[in-house]
Every structure is written in structure tokens, then in C-alpha cells.
Amino acid sequence: MAQITPNASIVNSSNGEIADSFRIIQGGIQVGNNFFHSFSELDVFTGSSAYFNNFLDIENIFTRVNDNNIFNID
């Protein structure tokens, strides 16, 4: 299962809701056609997925992980 831990560095904290074998990532903040997420942990392991649930007019999704730990996307 994807391990996603939000942080409160942006107004509308990102979060991950579990659905079957993937996490639906919601929250964040929209600026124009861009969407921003911030996490303290973001790991997506073999056999799991992360799905960014955004509006149709979003062209770019920016995600940052601001912690001292290594994160893994497999």
C-alpha cells in the first residue's frame, strides 16, 4: 500500500484515502492550471499506486516531500 503522510505547510493539506490497492490523493491547493501538494512522507511500493484526484482543467501537478527521510516510488 502506498504510504502517504501529509504536512501542514500549505493551506489545504494533501491527504491520501485508501481505495482497493491504491491511494487517492486529494487536498492541496490550485493556482491557475497548476495543483500543489506537500507531504512529509510519500512512498509508493511495488503493486500499489497513487492517484492524484484533480479537476479536469489542471495541467501540472507539483508534489514536494519535505522530510529528511528517503522516499521510494517503485
C-alpha atoms as a PDB file:
ATOM      1  CA  MET A   1       0.000   0.000   0.000  1.00  0.00           C
ATOM      2  CA  ALA A   2       1.246   3.493  -0.735  1.00  0.00           C
ATOM      3  CA  GLN A   3       2.444   5.324   2.380  1.00  0.00           C
ATOM      4  CA  ILE A   4       1.402   8.968   2.264  1.00  0.00           C
ATOM      5  CA  THR A   5       1.758  11.388   5.169  1.00  0.00           C
ATOM      6  CA  PRO A   6       0.593  14.972   4.624  1.00  0.00           C
ATOM      7  CA  ASN A   7       2.101  18.020   6.286  1.00  0.00           C
ATOM      8  CA  ALA A   8       0.523  21.363   7.097  1.00  0.00           C
ATOM      9  CA  SER A   9       2.863  23.593   5.072  1.00  0.00           C
ATOM     10  CA  ILE A  10       0.082  24.582   2.650  1.00  0.00           C
ATOM     11  CA  VAL A  11      -3.411  25.829   3.486  1.00  0.00           C
ATOM     12  CA  ASN A  12      -5.438  22.793   2.337  1.00  0.00           C
ATOM     13  CA  SER A  13      -3.325  19.824   3.457  1.00  0.00           C
ATOM     14  CA  SER A  14      -2.980  16.994   0.966  1.00  0.00           C
ATOM     15  CA  ASN A  15      -4.237  13.608   2.083  1.00  0.00           C
ATOM     16  CA  GLY A  16      -4.486  10.046   0.834  1.00  0.00           C
ATOM     17  CA  GLU A  17      -7.665   7.996   1.011  1.00  0.00           C
ATOM     18  CA  ILE A  18      -7.371   4.218   0.677  1.00  0.00           C
ATOM     19  CA  ALA A  19      -9.314   2.617  -2.202  1.00  0.00           C
ATOM     20  CA  ASP A  20      -8.557  -1.022  -3.107  1.00  0.00           C
ATOM     21  CA  SER A  21      -4.812  -1.270  -3.867  1.00  0.00           C
ATOM     22  CA  PHE A  22      -4.200   2.441  -4.348  1.00  0.00           C
ATOM     23  CA  ARG A  23      -4.324   5.767  -2.546  1.00  0.00           C
ATOM     24  CA  ILE A  24      -6.429   8.617  -3.875  1.00  0.00           C
ATOM     25  CA  ILE A  25      -4.515  11.838  -3.223  1.00  0.00           C
ATOM     26  CA  GLN A  26      -6.757  14.821  -2.571  1.00  0.00           C
ATOM     27  CA  GLY A  27      -6.465  18.239  -0.993  1.00  0.00           C
ATOM     28  CA  GLY A  28      -3.631  20.516  -1.963  1.00  0.00           C
ATOM     29  CA  ILE A  29      -4.024  23.935  -3.497  1.00  0.00           C
ATOM     30  CA  GLN A  30      -4.858  25.073  -7.023  1.00  0.00           C
ATOM     31  CA  VAL A  31      -3.145  28.104  -8.573  1.00  0.00           C
ATOM     32  CA  GLY A  32      -4.297  28.699 -12.137  1.00  0.00           C
ATOM     33  CA  ASN A  33      -3.951  25.415 -14.040  1.00  0.00           C
ATOM     34  CA  ASN A  34      -1.410  24.072 -11.529  1.00  0.00           C
ATOM     35  CA  PHE A  35      -2.013  21.981  -8.426  1.00  0.00           C
ATOM     36  CA  PHE A  36       0.392  21.785  -5.473  1.00  0.00           C
ATOM     37  CA  HIS A  37       0.770  19.021  -2.871  1.00  0.00           C
ATOM     38  CA  SER A  38       3.107  18.824   0.102  1.00  0.00           C
ATOM     39  CA  PHE A  39       3.934  15.704   2.112  1.00  0.00           C
ATOM     40  CA  SER A  40       6.278  14.689   4.892  1.00  0.00           C
ATOM     41  CA  GLU A  41       6.282  11.140   3.501  1.00  0.00           C
ATOM     42  CA  LEU A  42       5.436   9.711   0.082  1.00  0.00           C
ATOM     43  CA  ASP A  43       6.185   6.074  -0.735  1.00  0.00           C
ATOM     44  CA  VAL A  44       4.566   4.035  -3.498  1.00  0.00           C
ATOM     45  CA  PHE A  45       5.640   0.407  -3.259  1.00  0.00           C
ATOM     46  CA  THR A  46       5.539  -2.422  -5.824  1.00  0.00           C
ATOM     47  CA  GLY A  47       1.931  -3.445  -6.521  1.00  0.00           C
ATOM     48  CA  SER A  48       0.422  -0.219  -5.194  1.00  0.00           C
ATOM     49  CA  SER A  49      -0.493   3.050  -6.875  1.00  0.00           C
ATOM     50  CA  ALA A  50      -1.127   6.672  -6.053  1.00  0.00           C
ATOM     51  CA  TYR A  51      -3.840   8.511  -7.984  1.00  0.00           C
ATOM     52  CA  PHE A  52      -3.932  12.317  -7.948  1.00  0.00           C
ATOM     53  CA  ASN A  53      -7.626  13.231  -7.957  1.00  0.00           C
ATOM     54  CA  ASN A  54      -7.772  16.673  -9.534  1.00  0.00           C
ATOM     55  CA  PHE A  55     -10.048  18.890 -11.586  1.00  0.00           C
ATOM     56  CA  LEU A  56     -10.100  18.480 -15.380  1.00  0.00           C
ATOM     57  CA  ASP A  57      -8.523  21.901 -16.016  1.00  0.00           C
ATOM     58  CA  ILE A  58      -5.311  21.008 -14.143  1.00  0.00           C
ATOM     59  CA  GLU A  59      -2.294  20.862 -16.463  1.00  0.00           C
ATOM     60  CA  ASN A  60       0.523  20.339 -13.931  1.00  0.00           C
ATOM     61  CA  ILE A  61       0.751  18.667 -10.533  1.00  0.00           C
ATOM     62  CA  PHE A  62       3.660  19.666  -8.306  1.00  0.00           C
ATOM     63  CA  THR A  63       4.423  17.480  -5.321  1.00  0.00           C
ATOM     64  CA  ARG A  64       7.114  18.048  -2.743  1.00  0.00           C
ATOM     65  CA  VAL A  65       8.306  15.872   0.105  1.00  0.00           C
ATOM     66  CA  ASN A  66       9.953  17.915   2.830  1.00  0.00           C
ATOM     67  CA  ASP A  67      11.377  15.468   5.350  1.00  0.00           C
ATOM     68  CA  ASN A  68      14.838  14.073   5.938  1.00  0.00           C
ATOM     69  CA  ASN A  69      13.811  10.508   5.108  1.00  0.00           C
ATOM     70  CA  ILE A  70      14.306   8.882   1.716  1.00  0.00           C
ATOM     71  CA  PHE A  71      11.060   8.243  -0.164  1.00  0.00           C
ATOM     72  CA  ASN A  72      10.501   5.430  -2.649  1.00  0.00           C
ATOM     73  CA  ILE A  73       8.418   5.263  -5.782  1.00  0.00           C
ATOM     74  CA  ASP A  74       8.533   1.827  -7.381  1.00  0.00           C
END
